[in-house]
Structures are given as C-alpha cells and as structure tokens.
Amino acid sequence: MTQHSSPPRRAAARPAHLLSRLTALPVRWIVPVVALLGALAGGAYGMLRTPEYSATSYVIVVPTEKSDPAAALGFATAYGRVASQVAVVGDAPVWAGVSARTLASHVQTATSPDAPMISVTATASRARTAVNMADSVARSLVLNGSHMQGSTNVKVLQFSRALEPTGPVSPSAPLAALVGCCAGGLLGGLGLLVRPQRRRSGMHASVPNPAQASHPQPETV
C-alpha cells in the first residue's frame, strides 16, 4: 500500500501561509490585527474553560499548659506541610466525596510565621465541592492533632469553616479577552522590531566596479 504524505505537508504549510499573510500586511495593521486575534483567542478560552471555585477553611494550633506559643507556631508549620498526606490517609476523601488524588492535587495549605494558623484552600468545578474539600482536610487535621495531643502538647482546633463562594475564581470571558488582546499587541510590537531587520538583511548594496587604469599614451616628439 502506498502512503500519502501530502495532507500533513498541507497542514504544516497552513501556519507558514498564515504567517506570510500577516507579514505581508502594512506596518500599521500588524499590531491591531494581532491584538484582535489575541482577544478572540482569549475570549474563546474564557468561554470554553470550566469555571473553578475556591473555598478556604482555617485551623488554629493552641498550646496547652505544658507547652508555649513558640511550640504551637512550630507545630502549625509542620501540620501545614503534611496536611495533604494526613487528609489522604484519613477519611477526608470520603467526607468530601472525591478521590484521594483529587483531594491531594486540588487542596493547598499556607501558614503564617507570626500566628499558629493554617489556611486550607480547595478549588473545584463546583462551589459546594470546594467547601466540602476544604472542611474535610481541616477536620482531618483536627482529628490527627487530637490523637497526637499527648505527645505534642498542643491542641488543633478549627478556627472557621469554609464559606461557599459566590462566584468563580477563574477569569471570565471579558477578562480573558483583555489579556489576550494585550498579549497580541505585545507580540505585534515585537514583530515590528524584527521586521525591519529582515528587510535590511535582504538588501544588498550595489558596489561599483573598480575603475580600470588607463594606459599612458606614448609621447610624440
């Protein structure tokens, strides 16, 4: 059987043909056209992308009578680093109604160097799912802290539950279009900086041929 290689070549030639069409435009039209293309691409991305919602729950570490605030601050930092492992090992995936892999990849924790508090932020395609994920990880930290209280001498308490977000955190279609327009305008400006150099490189200055020396004429007496 014979293999036909013409369709891939045609598909590969389309971007080059489009690039040649853009470079053939007048200089004053390059930036507006590229900016318009970027705005269209950004708007389409904002409309087709699945919206993401974010919810945050807070956990606080309190020292007991046998400990001090410095120890509570250190344990808060340690719990913040292992929060995802603690949640996956525990029942947090069951409480949140998601898989352990989803919980580990869509939950982030942050600690403060000044306060023994841990923020648990979860992102999901649904607002209620994000709330359940954040609260489930916080609950796992509280249970693990209660089990380890005898050796750590600190209490892990849930400071506040996550609130259901009122809107997505992903960029909207107008914002994505604006970002695409700015990126397109920047690329168009860079193209203008490159285009004169290509023209100059293709120009060859004509150098006149060296003049031939005239032979001296013999003198007549």
N, C-alpha and C. Protein backbone atom coordinates (compact mmCIF):
# COMPACT_ATOMS: atom_id res chain seq x y z
N MET A 1 0.85 -1.19 0.00
CA MET A 1 0.00 0.00 0.00
C MET A 1 0.89 1.25 0.00
N THR A 2 0.46 2.23 -0.72
CA THR A 2 1.23 3.47 -0.83
C THR A 2 0.75 4.44 0.23
N GLN A 3 1.68 5.12 0.84
CA GLN A 3 1.37 6.10 1.86
C GLN A 3 1.33 7.48 1.24
N HIS A 4 0.33 8.24 1.64
CA HIS A 4 0.16 9.59 1.12
C HIS A 4 0.66 10.58 2.17
N SER A 5 1.63 11.37 1.82
CA SER A 5 2.21 12.35 2.75
C SER A 5 1.81 13.77 2.45
N SER A 6 0.92 13.95 1.49
CA SER A 6 0.54 15.32 1.12
C SER A 6 -0.31 16.02 2.15
N PRO A 7 -1.30 15.34 2.83
CA PRO A 7 -2.10 16.08 3.81
C PRO A 7 -1.29 16.64 4.96
N PRO A 8 -0.31 15.89 5.57
CA PRO A 8 0.48 16.51 6.64
C PRO A 8 1.26 17.71 6.15
N ARG A 9 1.74 17.64 4.90
CA ARG A 9 2.50 18.79 4.40
C ARG A 9 1.60 20.00 4.25
N ARG A 10 0.38 19.75 3.79
CA ARG A 10 -0.55 20.87 3.67
C ARG A 10 -0.89 21.45 5.02
N ALA A 11 -1.10 20.55 6.04
CA ALA A 11 -1.41 21.05 7.38
C ALA A 11 -0.24 21.82 7.96
N ALA A 12 0.98 21.34 7.67
CA ALA A 12 2.16 22.06 8.18
C ALA A 12 2.36 23.37 7.46
N ALA A 13 1.87 23.46 6.22
CA ALA A 13 2.07 24.68 5.45
C ALA A 13 1.07 25.77 5.83
N ARG A 14 -0.01 25.40 6.51
CA ARG A 14 -1.01 26.41 6.86
C ARG A 14 -0.47 27.47 7.82
N PRO A 15 0.21 27.10 8.94
CA PRO A 15 0.77 28.16 9.79
C PRO A 15 1.76 29.05 9.07
N ALA A 16 2.59 28.45 8.20
CA ALA A 16 3.55 29.27 7.46
C ALA A 16 2.84 30.21 6.51
N HIS A 17 1.75 29.72 5.89
CA HIS A 17 0.99 30.58 4.98
C HIS A 17 0.33 31.72 5.75
N LEU A 18 -0.21 31.40 6.95
CA LEU A 18 -0.81 32.46 7.77
C LEU A 18 0.22 33.47 8.21
N LEU A 19 1.43 32.99 8.57
CA LEU A 19 2.48 33.91 8.97
C LEU A 19 2.90 34.81 7.83
N SER A 20 2.96 34.24 6.62
CA SER A 20 3.33 35.06 5.47
C SER A 20 2.25 36.10 5.17
N ARG A 21 1.00 35.72 5.39
CA ARG A 21 -0.08 36.70 5.17
C ARG A 21 0.01 37.85 6.17
N LEU A 22 0.36 37.51 7.43
CA LEU A 22 0.48 38.56 8.44
C LEU A 22 1.66 39.48 8.15
N THR A 23 2.79 38.89 7.75
CA THR A 23 3.96 39.72 7.48
C THR A 23 3.78 40.56 6.22
N ALA A 24 2.85 40.14 5.35
CA ALA A 24 2.60 40.92 4.13
C ALA A 24 1.71 42.12 4.37
N LEU A 25 1.11 42.23 5.57
CA LEU A 25 0.26 43.37 5.87
C LEU A 25 1.08 44.64 6.01
N PRO A 26 0.47 45.77 5.80
CA PRO A 26 1.18 47.03 6.07
C PRO A 26 1.59 47.12 7.53
N VAL A 27 2.60 47.92 7.79
CA VAL A 27 3.16 48.00 9.13
C VAL A 27 2.12 48.49 10.14
N ARG A 28 1.28 49.43 9.75
CA ARG A 28 0.32 49.99 10.69
C ARG A 28 -0.79 49.03 11.06
N TRP A 29 -0.96 47.92 10.30
CA TRP A 29 -2.04 46.97 10.56
C TRP A 29 -1.58 45.75 11.35
N ILE A 30 -0.28 45.58 11.55
CA ILE A 30 0.20 44.36 12.21
C ILE A 30 -0.25 44.30 13.66
N VAL A 31 -0.02 45.37 14.42
CA VAL A 31 -0.39 45.36 15.84
C VAL A 31 -1.90 45.24 16.04
N PRO A 32 -2.76 46.01 15.34
CA PRO A 32 -4.21 45.82 15.55
C PRO A 32 -4.71 44.43 15.18
N VAL A 33 -4.19 43.86 14.09
CA VAL A 33 -4.67 42.54 13.68
C VAL A 33 -4.25 41.47 14.68
N VAL A 34 -3.00 41.50 15.12
CA VAL A 34 -2.54 40.50 16.09
C VAL A 34 -3.24 40.69 17.43
N ALA A 35 -3.50 41.93 17.84
CA ALA A 35 -4.24 42.17 19.08
C ALA A 35 -5.67 41.65 18.99
N LEU A 36 -6.29 41.81 17.82
CA LEU A 36 -7.65 41.29 17.63
C LEU A 36 -7.67 39.77 17.68
N LEU A 37 -6.68 39.14 17.06
CA LEU A 37 -6.59 37.68 17.13
C LEU A 37 -6.39 37.19 18.55
N GLY A 38 -5.55 37.90 19.32
CA GLY A 38 -5.36 37.52 20.73
C GLY A 38 -6.61 37.69 21.55
N ALA A 39 -7.38 38.75 21.29
CA ALA A 39 -8.63 38.96 22.02
C ALA A 39 -9.64 37.86 21.70
N LEU A 40 -9.72 37.47 20.44
CA LEU A 40 -10.64 36.39 20.07
C LEU A 40 -10.24 35.07 20.70
N ALA A 41 -8.94 34.78 20.71
CA ALA A 41 -8.48 33.54 21.32
C ALA A 41 -8.71 33.54 22.83
N GLY A 42 -8.43 34.68 23.50
CA GLY A 42 -8.66 34.76 24.94
C GLY A 42 -10.13 34.67 25.30
N GLY A 43 -10.99 35.32 24.52
CA GLY A 43 -12.42 35.24 24.79
C GLY A 43 -12.96 33.84 24.62
N ALA A 44 -12.49 33.13 23.58
CA ALA A 44 -12.92 31.75 23.38
C ALA A 44 -12.45 30.85 24.50
N TYR A 45 -11.23 31.09 24.99
CA TYR A 45 -10.71 30.30 26.11
C TYR A 45 -11.53 30.55 27.38
N GLY A 46 -11.88 31.80 27.64
CA GLY A 46 -12.68 32.11 28.82
C GLY A 46 -14.08 31.53 28.77
N MET A 47 -14.65 31.42 27.56
CA MET A 47 -15.99 30.88 27.43
C MET A 47 -16.01 29.35 27.50
N LEU A 48 -14.98 28.70 26.95
CA LEU A 48 -14.97 27.24 26.91
C LEU A 48 -14.38 26.60 28.15
N ARG A 49 -13.60 27.33 28.92
CA ARG A 49 -12.97 26.74 30.09
C ARG A 49 -14.00 26.54 31.21
N THR A 50 -13.87 25.42 31.92
CA THR A 50 -14.77 25.13 33.04
C THR A 50 -14.45 26.07 34.21
N PRO A 51 -15.45 26.76 34.77
CA PRO A 51 -15.17 27.67 35.88
C PRO A 51 -14.71 26.92 37.13
N GLU A 52 -13.83 27.55 37.89
CA GLU A 52 -13.31 26.97 39.12
C GLU A 52 -13.71 27.84 40.31
N TYR A 53 -14.08 27.17 41.39
CA TYR A 53 -14.48 27.85 42.62
C TYR A 53 -13.47 27.52 43.71
N SER A 54 -13.28 28.46 44.62
CA SER A 54 -12.30 28.31 45.68
C SER A 54 -12.96 28.57 47.04
N ALA A 55 -12.60 27.76 48.03
CA ALA A 55 -13.11 27.90 49.39
C ALA A 55 -11.97 27.66 50.36
N THR A 56 -11.96 28.39 51.46
CA THR A 56 -10.86 28.34 52.42
C THR A 56 -11.40 28.10 53.82
N SER A 57 -10.79 27.15 54.50
CA SER A 57 -11.09 26.86 55.90
C SER A 57 -9.83 27.10 56.72
N TYR A 58 -9.99 27.50 57.98
CA TYR A 58 -8.86 27.87 58.83
C TYR A 58 -8.80 26.96 60.05
N VAL A 59 -7.56 26.58 60.39
CA VAL A 59 -7.28 25.74 61.56
C VAL A 59 -6.25 26.46 62.41
N ILE A 60 -6.43 26.42 63.71
CA ILE A 60 -5.52 27.09 64.63
C ILE A 60 -4.93 26.08 65.60
N VAL A 61 -3.68 26.29 65.97
CA VAL A 61 -2.97 25.43 66.91
C VAL A 61 -2.78 26.20 68.21
N VAL A 62 -3.27 25.64 69.30
CA VAL A 62 -3.25 26.32 70.60
C VAL A 62 -2.36 25.53 71.55
N PRO A 63 -1.44 26.19 72.26
CA PRO A 63 -0.60 25.46 73.21
C PRO A 63 -1.36 25.10 74.48
N THR A 64 -1.00 23.98 75.08
CA THR A 64 -1.58 23.58 76.35
C THR A 64 -0.74 24.15 77.50
N GLU A 65 -1.07 23.73 78.71
CA GLU A 65 -0.33 24.22 79.88
C GLU A 65 1.11 23.73 79.90
N LYS A 66 1.36 22.61 79.23
CA LYS A 66 2.71 22.05 79.20
C LYS A 66 3.54 22.56 78.03
N SER A 67 3.02 23.49 77.26
CA SER A 67 3.72 23.98 76.09
C SER A 67 3.74 25.50 76.10
N ASP A 68 4.31 26.10 75.09
CA ASP A 68 4.41 27.55 74.96
C ASP A 68 3.99 27.96 73.56
N PRO A 69 3.77 29.27 73.30
CA PRO A 69 3.35 29.72 71.97
C PRO A 69 4.34 29.40 70.86
N ALA A 70 5.63 29.38 71.17
CA ALA A 70 6.62 29.08 70.14
C ALA A 70 6.46 27.65 69.63
N ALA A 71 6.16 26.72 70.53
CA ALA A 71 5.94 25.34 70.11
C ALA A 71 4.69 25.22 69.26
N ALA A 72 3.64 25.95 69.62
CA ALA A 72 2.42 25.92 68.83
C ALA A 72 2.66 26.46 67.42
N LEU A 73 3.49 27.49 67.31
CA LEU A 73 3.81 28.03 66.00
C LEU A 73 4.60 27.03 65.16
N GLY A 74 5.52 26.32 65.79
CA GLY A 74 6.29 25.31 65.06
C GLY A 74 5.43 24.15 64.61
N PHE A 75 4.51 23.68 65.47
CA PHE A 75 3.64 22.58 65.08
C PHE A 75 2.63 23.02 64.01
N ALA A 76 2.23 24.28 64.01
CA ALA A 76 1.34 24.76 62.95
C ALA A 76 2.03 24.70 61.60
N THR A 77 3.31 25.07 61.56
CA THR A 77 4.06 24.96 60.31
C THR A 77 4.21 23.52 59.87
N ALA A 78 4.45 22.62 60.84
CA ALA A 78 4.59 21.21 60.50
C ALA A 78 3.28 20.61 60.00
N TYR A 79 2.19 20.93 60.64
CA TYR A 79 0.89 20.42 60.19
C TYR A 79 0.52 20.97 58.81
N GLY A 80 0.90 22.21 58.55
CA GLY A 80 0.60 22.76 57.24
C GLY A 80 1.34 22.05 56.12
N ARG A 81 2.53 21.55 56.40
CA ARG A 81 3.31 20.86 55.38
C ARG A 81 2.78 19.46 55.10
N VAL A 82 2.24 18.80 56.11
CA VAL A 82 1.79 17.41 55.94
C VAL A 82 0.28 17.32 55.88
N ALA A 83 -0.40 18.43 55.65
CA ALA A 83 -1.87 18.41 55.66
C ALA A 83 -2.43 17.51 54.57
N SER A 84 -1.83 17.54 53.37
CA SER A 84 -2.36 16.72 52.28
C SER A 84 -2.18 15.24 52.56
N GLN A 85 -1.03 14.84 53.15
CA GLN A 85 -0.82 13.43 53.47
C GLN A 85 -1.77 12.97 54.57
N VAL A 86 -1.96 13.82 55.57
CA VAL A 86 -2.87 13.47 56.67
C VAL A 86 -4.29 13.31 56.16
N ALA A 87 -4.70 14.19 55.24
CA ALA A 87 -6.06 14.12 54.72
C ALA A 87 -6.27 12.89 53.86
N VAL A 88 -5.27 12.53 53.05
CA VAL A 88 -5.41 11.38 52.16
C VAL A 88 -5.44 10.08 52.96
N VAL A 89 -4.62 9.99 54.00
CA VAL A 89 -4.59 8.78 54.81
C VAL A 89 -5.88 8.62 55.60
N GLY A 90 -6.48 9.74 56.03
CA GLY A 90 -7.69 9.68 56.82
C GLY A 90 -8.94 9.51 55.98
N ASP A 91 -10.05 9.96 56.55
CA ASP A 91 -11.36 9.83 55.90
C ASP A 91 -11.78 11.08 55.14
N ALA A 92 -10.86 12.00 54.89
CA ALA A 92 -11.22 13.24 54.20
C ALA A 92 -11.78 13.00 52.80
N PRO A 93 -11.24 12.07 52.01
CA PRO A 93 -11.84 11.83 50.70
C PRO A 93 -13.29 11.36 50.78
N VAL A 94 -13.60 10.56 51.78
CA VAL A 94 -14.98 10.09 51.94
C VAL A 94 -15.89 11.23 52.35
N TRP A 95 -15.44 12.08 53.25
CA TRP A 95 -16.26 13.21 53.69
C TRP A 95 -16.48 14.19 52.54
N ALA A 96 -15.45 14.41 51.73
CA ALA A 96 -15.57 15.37 50.63
C ALA A 96 -16.29 14.79 49.42
N GLY A 97 -16.34 13.47 49.30
CA GLY A 97 -16.98 12.85 48.16
C GLY A 97 -16.15 12.88 46.90
N VAL A 98 -14.82 12.94 47.03
CA VAL A 98 -13.92 12.95 45.89
C VAL A 98 -12.85 11.90 46.12
N SER A 99 -12.06 11.65 45.09
CA SER A 99 -10.97 10.68 45.23
C SER A 99 -9.80 11.29 45.99
N ALA A 100 -8.94 10.41 46.50
CA ALA A 100 -7.77 10.88 47.25
C ALA A 100 -6.82 11.67 46.36
N ARG A 101 -6.70 11.27 45.08
CA ARG A 101 -5.83 12.00 44.17
C ARG A 101 -6.37 13.40 43.90
N THR A 102 -7.67 13.52 43.72
CA THR A 102 -8.27 14.85 43.50
C THR A 102 -8.09 15.72 44.72
N LEU A 103 -8.26 15.14 45.90
CA LEU A 103 -8.11 15.92 47.13
C LEU A 103 -6.67 16.41 47.30
N ALA A 104 -5.70 15.56 46.97
CA ALA A 104 -4.30 15.95 47.15
C ALA A 104 -3.86 17.00 46.13
N SER A 105 -4.42 16.96 44.92
CA SER A 105 -3.98 17.88 43.88
C SER A 105 -4.74 19.20 43.86
N HIS A 106 -5.90 19.28 44.52
CA HIS A 106 -6.71 20.49 44.47
C HIS A 106 -6.83 21.18 45.82
N VAL A 107 -6.00 20.81 46.78
CA VAL A 107 -6.01 21.44 48.10
C VAL A 107 -4.62 21.96 48.40
N GLN A 108 -4.55 23.22 48.81
CA GLN A 108 -3.29 23.84 49.19
C GLN A 108 -3.41 24.43 50.58
N THR A 109 -2.32 24.37 51.34
CA THR A 109 -2.29 24.91 52.69
C THR A 109 -1.22 25.99 52.78
N ALA A 110 -1.44 26.92 53.68
CA ALA A 110 -0.49 28.01 53.91
C ALA A 110 -0.45 28.32 55.39
N THR A 111 0.73 28.66 55.88
CA THR A 111 0.92 29.02 57.28
C THR A 111 1.52 30.41 57.38
N SER A 112 1.41 30.97 58.56
CA SER A 112 1.95 32.31 58.81
C SER A 112 3.11 32.21 59.78
N PRO A 113 4.18 32.99 59.57
CA PRO A 113 5.29 32.96 60.53
C PRO A 113 4.99 33.70 61.83
N ASP A 114 3.87 34.40 61.88
CA ASP A 114 3.54 35.19 63.07
C ASP A 114 2.41 34.60 63.89
N ALA A 115 1.60 33.74 63.33
CA ALA A 115 0.44 33.20 64.05
C ALA A 115 0.35 31.70 63.77
N PRO A 116 -0.02 30.90 64.80
CA PRO A 116 -0.13 29.44 64.61
C PRO A 116 -1.45 29.06 63.92
N MET A 117 -1.63 29.53 62.70
CA MET A 117 -2.87 29.29 61.97
C MET A 117 -2.54 28.70 60.60
N ILE A 118 -3.42 27.80 60.17
CA ILE A 118 -3.25 27.13 58.88
C ILE A 118 -4.48 27.42 58.03
N SER A 119 -4.26 27.88 56.82
CA SER A 119 -5.35 28.10 55.88
C SER A 119 -5.38 26.94 54.88
N VAL A 120 -6.55 26.35 54.73
CA VAL A 120 -6.74 25.21 53.83
C VAL A 120 -7.65 25.69 52.69
N THR A 121 -7.10 25.78 51.49
CA THR A 121 -7.83 26.29 50.33
C THR A 121 -8.01 25.16 49.32
N ALA A 122 -9.26 24.98 48.89
CA ALA A 122 -9.60 23.94 47.93
C ALA A 122 -10.25 24.58 46.71
N THR A 123 -9.96 24.04 45.53
CA THR A 123 -10.54 24.51 44.28
C THR A 123 -11.25 23.34 43.60
N ALA A 124 -12.41 23.62 43.02
CA ALA A 124 -13.19 22.59 42.34
C ALA A 124 -14.09 23.26 41.31
N SER A 125 -14.67 22.44 40.45
CA SER A 125 -15.58 22.96 39.43
C SER A 125 -16.95 23.33 39.99
N ARG A 126 -17.24 22.92 41.22
CA ARG A 126 -18.50 23.25 41.88
C ARG A 126 -18.19 23.90 43.22
N ALA A 127 -18.99 24.89 43.59
CA ALA A 127 -18.74 25.63 44.83
C ALA A 127 -18.90 24.74 46.06
N ARG A 128 -19.94 23.92 46.11
CA ARG A 128 -20.17 23.06 47.26
C ARG A 128 -19.06 22.03 47.40
N THR A 129 -18.54 21.52 46.31
CA THR A 129 -17.44 20.56 46.37
C THR A 129 -16.19 21.20 46.94
N ALA A 130 -15.91 22.43 46.57
CA ALA A 130 -14.75 23.13 47.13
C ALA A 130 -14.89 23.32 48.63
N VAL A 131 -16.10 23.65 49.09
CA VAL A 131 -16.34 23.82 50.53
C VAL A 131 -16.13 22.50 51.26
N ASN A 132 -16.68 21.42 50.73
CA ASN A 132 -16.54 20.12 51.38
C ASN A 132 -15.09 19.66 51.43
N MET A 133 -14.34 19.93 50.40
CA MET A 133 -12.93 19.54 50.38
C MET A 133 -12.13 20.30 51.42
N ALA A 134 -12.34 21.61 51.51
CA ALA A 134 -11.59 22.41 52.49
C ALA A 134 -11.95 22.01 53.91
N ASP A 135 -13.23 21.83 54.20
CA ASP A 135 -13.64 21.45 55.55
C ASP A 135 -13.19 20.04 55.90
N SER A 136 -13.14 19.15 54.92
CA SER A 136 -12.71 17.78 55.20
C SER A 136 -11.24 17.71 55.57
N VAL A 137 -10.40 18.46 54.87
CA VAL A 137 -8.98 18.49 55.21
C VAL A 137 -8.77 19.13 56.58
N ALA A 138 -9.51 20.19 56.87
CA ALA A 138 -9.40 20.82 58.19
C ALA A 138 -9.85 19.87 59.29
N ARG A 139 -10.89 19.12 59.04
CA ARG A 139 -11.37 18.16 60.02
C ARG A 139 -10.35 17.05 60.25
N SER A 140 -9.67 16.63 59.20
CA SER A 140 -8.63 15.61 59.36
C SER A 140 -7.47 16.13 60.19
N LEU A 141 -7.12 17.38 60.01
CA LEU A 141 -6.05 17.97 60.83
C LEU A 141 -6.46 18.04 62.29
N VAL A 142 -7.71 18.37 62.56
CA VAL A 142 -8.18 18.45 63.95
C VAL A 142 -8.16 17.07 64.60
N LEU A 143 -8.62 16.04 63.89
CA LEU A 143 -8.61 14.69 64.46
C LEU A 143 -7.20 14.18 64.68
N ASN A 144 -6.31 14.43 63.72
CA ASN A 144 -4.93 14.00 63.88
C ASN A 144 -4.25 14.74 65.03
N GLY A 145 -4.56 16.03 65.18
CA GLY A 145 -4.00 16.78 66.29
C GLY A 145 -4.50 16.30 67.63
N SER A 146 -5.76 15.88 67.69
CA SER A 146 -6.31 15.35 68.95
C SER A 146 -5.64 14.03 69.33
N HIS A 147 -5.35 13.18 68.32
CA HIS A 147 -4.67 11.92 68.60
C HIS A 147 -3.23 12.13 69.05
N MET A 148 -2.59 13.18 68.55
CA MET A 148 -1.19 13.45 68.87
C MET A 148 -1.02 14.45 70.00
N GLN A 149 -2.11 14.86 70.65
CA GLN A 149 -2.02 15.91 71.66
C GLN A 149 -1.18 15.48 72.86
N GLY A 150 -1.21 14.20 73.20
CA GLY A 150 -0.42 13.74 74.35
C GLY A 150 1.06 13.88 74.15
N SER A 151 1.56 13.81 72.92
CA SER A 151 2.99 13.91 72.64
C SER A 151 3.40 15.30 72.16
N THR A 152 2.49 16.03 71.56
CA THR A 152 2.83 17.37 71.06
C THR A 152 2.52 18.47 72.06
N ASN A 153 1.60 18.23 72.98
CA ASN A 153 1.19 19.23 73.99
C ASN A 153 0.59 20.48 73.34
N VAL A 154 -0.08 20.30 72.20
CA VAL A 154 -0.79 21.39 71.54
C VAL A 154 -2.16 20.88 71.09
N LYS A 155 -3.11 21.78 70.98
CA LYS A 155 -4.45 21.46 70.50
C LYS A 155 -4.64 22.03 69.10
N VAL A 156 -5.25 21.24 68.26
CA VAL A 156 -5.56 21.68 66.91
C VAL A 156 -7.07 21.86 66.82
N LEU A 157 -7.50 23.08 66.57
CA LEU A 157 -8.92 23.42 66.55
C LEU A 157 -9.26 24.06 65.21
N GLN A 158 -10.50 23.87 64.79
CA GLN A 158 -10.97 24.52 63.56
C GLN A 158 -11.40 25.93 63.90
N PHE A 159 -10.70 26.89 63.34
CA PHE A 159 -10.97 28.30 63.65
C PHE A 159 -12.23 28.79 62.95
N SER A 160 -12.39 28.44 61.68
CA SER A 160 -13.59 28.85 60.93
C SER A 160 -13.80 27.88 59.79
N ARG A 161 -15.06 27.61 59.50
CA ARG A 161 -15.40 26.74 58.39
C ARG A 161 -15.38 27.53 57.08
N ALA A 162 -15.28 26.80 55.99
CA ALA A 162 -15.23 27.44 54.68
C ALA A 162 -16.61 27.96 54.29
N LEU A 163 -16.62 29.11 53.65
CA LEU A 163 -17.85 29.71 53.16
C LEU A 163 -18.01 29.39 51.68
N GLU A 164 -19.24 29.17 51.27
CA GLU A 164 -19.50 28.84 49.87
C GLU A 164 -19.23 30.07 49.00
N PRO A 165 -18.38 29.96 48.00
CA PRO A 165 -18.06 31.12 47.15
C PRO A 165 -19.26 31.55 46.32
N THR A 166 -19.36 32.83 46.11
CA THR A 166 -20.47 33.39 45.32
C THR A 166 -20.16 33.45 43.83
N GLY A 167 -18.90 33.32 43.46
CA GLY A 167 -18.51 33.39 42.05
C GLY A 167 -17.23 32.63 41.82
N PRO A 168 -16.95 32.29 40.58
CA PRO A 168 -15.73 31.54 40.28
C PRO A 168 -14.49 32.42 40.38
N VAL A 169 -13.37 31.77 40.63
CA VAL A 169 -12.09 32.48 40.69
C VAL A 169 -11.37 32.45 39.35
N SER A 170 -11.81 31.62 38.44
CA SER A 170 -11.21 31.58 37.10
C SER A 170 -11.58 32.84 36.33
N PRO A 171 -10.73 33.31 35.44
CA PRO A 171 -11.00 34.55 34.70
C PRO A 171 -12.23 34.41 33.81
N SER A 172 -13.02 35.47 33.76
CA SER A 172 -14.20 35.48 32.91
C SER A 172 -13.80 35.70 31.46
N ALA A 173 -14.78 35.56 30.57
CA ALA A 173 -14.50 35.72 29.14
C ALA A 173 -14.02 37.13 28.79
N PRO A 174 -14.63 38.22 29.31
CA PRO A 174 -14.09 39.55 29.00
C PRO A 174 -12.67 39.77 29.51
N LEU A 175 -12.38 39.26 30.72
CA LEU A 175 -11.03 39.41 31.24
C LEU A 175 -10.02 38.61 30.42
N ALA A 176 -10.39 37.39 30.05
CA ALA A 176 -9.50 36.59 29.21
C ALA A 176 -9.29 37.24 27.85
N ALA A 177 -10.34 37.85 27.30
CA ALA A 177 -10.19 38.55 26.02
C ALA A 177 -9.26 39.75 26.16
N LEU A 178 -9.36 40.47 27.29
CA LEU A 178 -8.47 41.62 27.50
C LEU A 178 -7.03 41.18 27.63
N VAL A 179 -6.80 40.08 28.35
CA VAL A 179 -5.43 39.57 28.48
C VAL A 179 -4.89 39.11 27.12
N GLY A 180 -5.74 38.43 26.35
CA GLY A 180 -5.31 38.02 25.02
C GLY A 180 -5.02 39.19 24.11
N CYS A 181 -5.81 40.26 24.22
CA CYS A 181 -5.57 41.44 23.41
C CYS A 181 -4.23 42.09 23.77
N CYS A 182 -3.93 42.17 25.06
CA CYS A 182 -2.65 42.76 25.48
C CYS A 182 -1.48 41.90 25.01
N ALA A 183 -1.63 40.57 25.14
CA ALA A 183 -0.56 39.68 24.68
C ALA A 183 -0.37 39.78 23.17
N GLY A 184 -1.49 39.87 22.43
CA GLY A 184 -1.37 40.02 20.98
C GLY A 184 -0.72 41.32 20.58
N GLY A 185 -1.08 42.41 21.27
CA GLY A 185 -0.44 43.69 20.97
C GLY A 185 1.05 43.67 21.25
N LEU A 186 1.44 42.97 22.35
CA LEU A 186 2.86 42.86 22.67
C LEU A 186 3.61 42.07 21.60
N LEU A 187 3.00 40.95 21.16
CA LEU A 187 3.64 40.16 20.11
C LEU A 187 3.71 40.93 18.79
N GLY A 188 2.67 41.71 18.50
CA GLY A 188 2.71 42.52 17.29
C GLY A 188 3.81 43.57 17.34
N GLY A 189 3.99 44.19 18.52
CA GLY A 189 5.08 45.16 18.65
C GLY A 189 6.44 44.52 18.50
N LEU A 190 6.59 43.31 19.05
CA LEU A 190 7.87 42.62 18.86
C LEU A 190 8.09 42.25 17.40
N GLY A 191 6.99 41.92 16.71
CA GLY A 191 7.12 41.63 15.29
C GLY A 191 7.58 42.83 14.49
N LEU A 192 7.14 44.03 14.89
CA LEU A 192 7.60 45.24 14.21
C LEU A 192 9.09 45.48 14.42
N LEU A 193 9.59 45.07 15.58
CA LEU A 193 11.02 45.25 15.83
C LEU A 193 11.85 44.28 15.00
N VAL A 194 11.28 43.12 14.70
CA VAL A 194 12.03 42.12 13.93
C VAL A 194 11.93 42.36 12.44
N ARG A 195 10.81 42.88 12.00
CA ARG A 195 10.56 43.01 10.56
C ARG A 195 11.56 43.90 9.84
N PRO A 196 11.94 45.10 10.34
CA PRO A 196 12.94 45.91 9.61
C PRO A 196 14.29 45.23 9.49
N GLN A 197 14.67 44.44 10.49
CA GLN A 197 15.95 43.76 10.42
C GLN A 197 15.97 42.75 9.29
N ARG A 198 14.84 42.07 9.08
CA ARG A 198 14.79 41.12 7.97
C ARG A 198 14.89 41.81 6.62
N ARG A 199 14.29 42.98 6.52
CA ARG A 199 14.36 43.72 5.26
C ARG A 199 15.78 44.17 4.99
N ARG A 200 16.43 44.66 6.05
CA ARG A 200 17.79 45.16 5.85
C ARG A 200 18.74 44.03 5.49
N SER A 201 18.49 42.84 6.09
CA SER A 201 19.38 41.73 5.79
C SER A 201 19.24 41.26 4.35
N GLY A 202 18.04 41.47 3.75
CA GLY A 202 17.84 41.05 2.37
C GLY A 202 18.32 42.06 1.35
N MET A 203 18.65 43.27 1.79
CA MET A 203 19.09 44.30 0.86
C MET A 203 20.59 44.19 0.66
N HIS A 204 21.01 44.29 -0.57
CA HIS A 204 22.43 44.24 -0.90
C HIS A 204 22.79 45.56 -1.57
N ALA A 205 23.72 46.23 -1.00
CA ALA A 205 24.16 47.50 -1.58
C ALA A 205 25.00 47.22 -2.82
N SER A 206 24.72 47.96 -3.85
CA SER A 206 25.46 47.78 -5.10
C SER A 206 26.79 48.50 -5.00
N VAL A 207 27.83 47.78 -5.24
CA VAL A 207 29.19 48.33 -5.16
C VAL A 207 29.68 48.53 -6.58
N PRO A 208 30.12 49.71 -6.94
CA PRO A 208 30.60 49.94 -8.30
C PRO A 208 31.87 49.16 -8.58
N ASN A 209 32.01 48.74 -9.80
CA ASN A 209 33.21 48.02 -10.20
C ASN A 209 34.43 48.93 -10.16
N PRO A 210 35.55 48.37 -9.81
CA PRO A 210 36.75 49.22 -9.77
C PRO A 210 37.09 49.76 -11.16
N ALA A 211 37.44 51.01 -11.20
CA ALA A 211 37.78 51.65 -12.49
C ALA A 211 39.09 51.11 -13.01
N GLN A 212 39.11 50.85 -14.29
CA GLN A 212 40.33 50.35 -14.91
C GLN A 212 41.31 51.50 -15.15
N ALA A 213 42.53 51.20 -14.81
CA ALA A 213 43.57 52.23 -15.01
C ALA A 213 43.83 52.43 -16.49
N SER A 214 43.88 53.68 -16.88
CA SER A 214 44.13 53.99 -18.30
C SER A 214 45.62 53.84 -18.61
N HIS A 215 45.93 53.27 -19.75
CA HIS A 215 47.33 53.09 -20.16
C HIS A 215 47.90 54.42 -20.62
N PRO A 216 49.09 54.73 -20.17
CA PRO A 216 49.67 56.01 -20.62
C PRO A 216 49.96 55.99 -22.11
N GLN A 217 49.69 57.11 -22.75
CA GLN A 217 49.93 57.23 -24.18
C GLN A 217 51.40 57.63 -24.41
N PRO A 218 52.02 57.07 -25.40
CA PRO A 218 53.43 57.45 -25.68
C PRO A 218 53.51 58.89 -26.14
N GLU A 219 54.54 59.55 -25.69
CA GLU A 219 54.72 60.94 -26.06
C GLU A 219 55.34 61.04 -27.48
N THR A 220 54.83 61.94 -28.20
CA THR A 220 55.37 62.15 -29.56
C THR A 220 56.35 63.32 -29.52
N VAL A 221 57.44 63.18 -30.20
CA VAL A 221 58.45 64.22 -30.25
C VAL A 221 58.21 65.09 -31.46
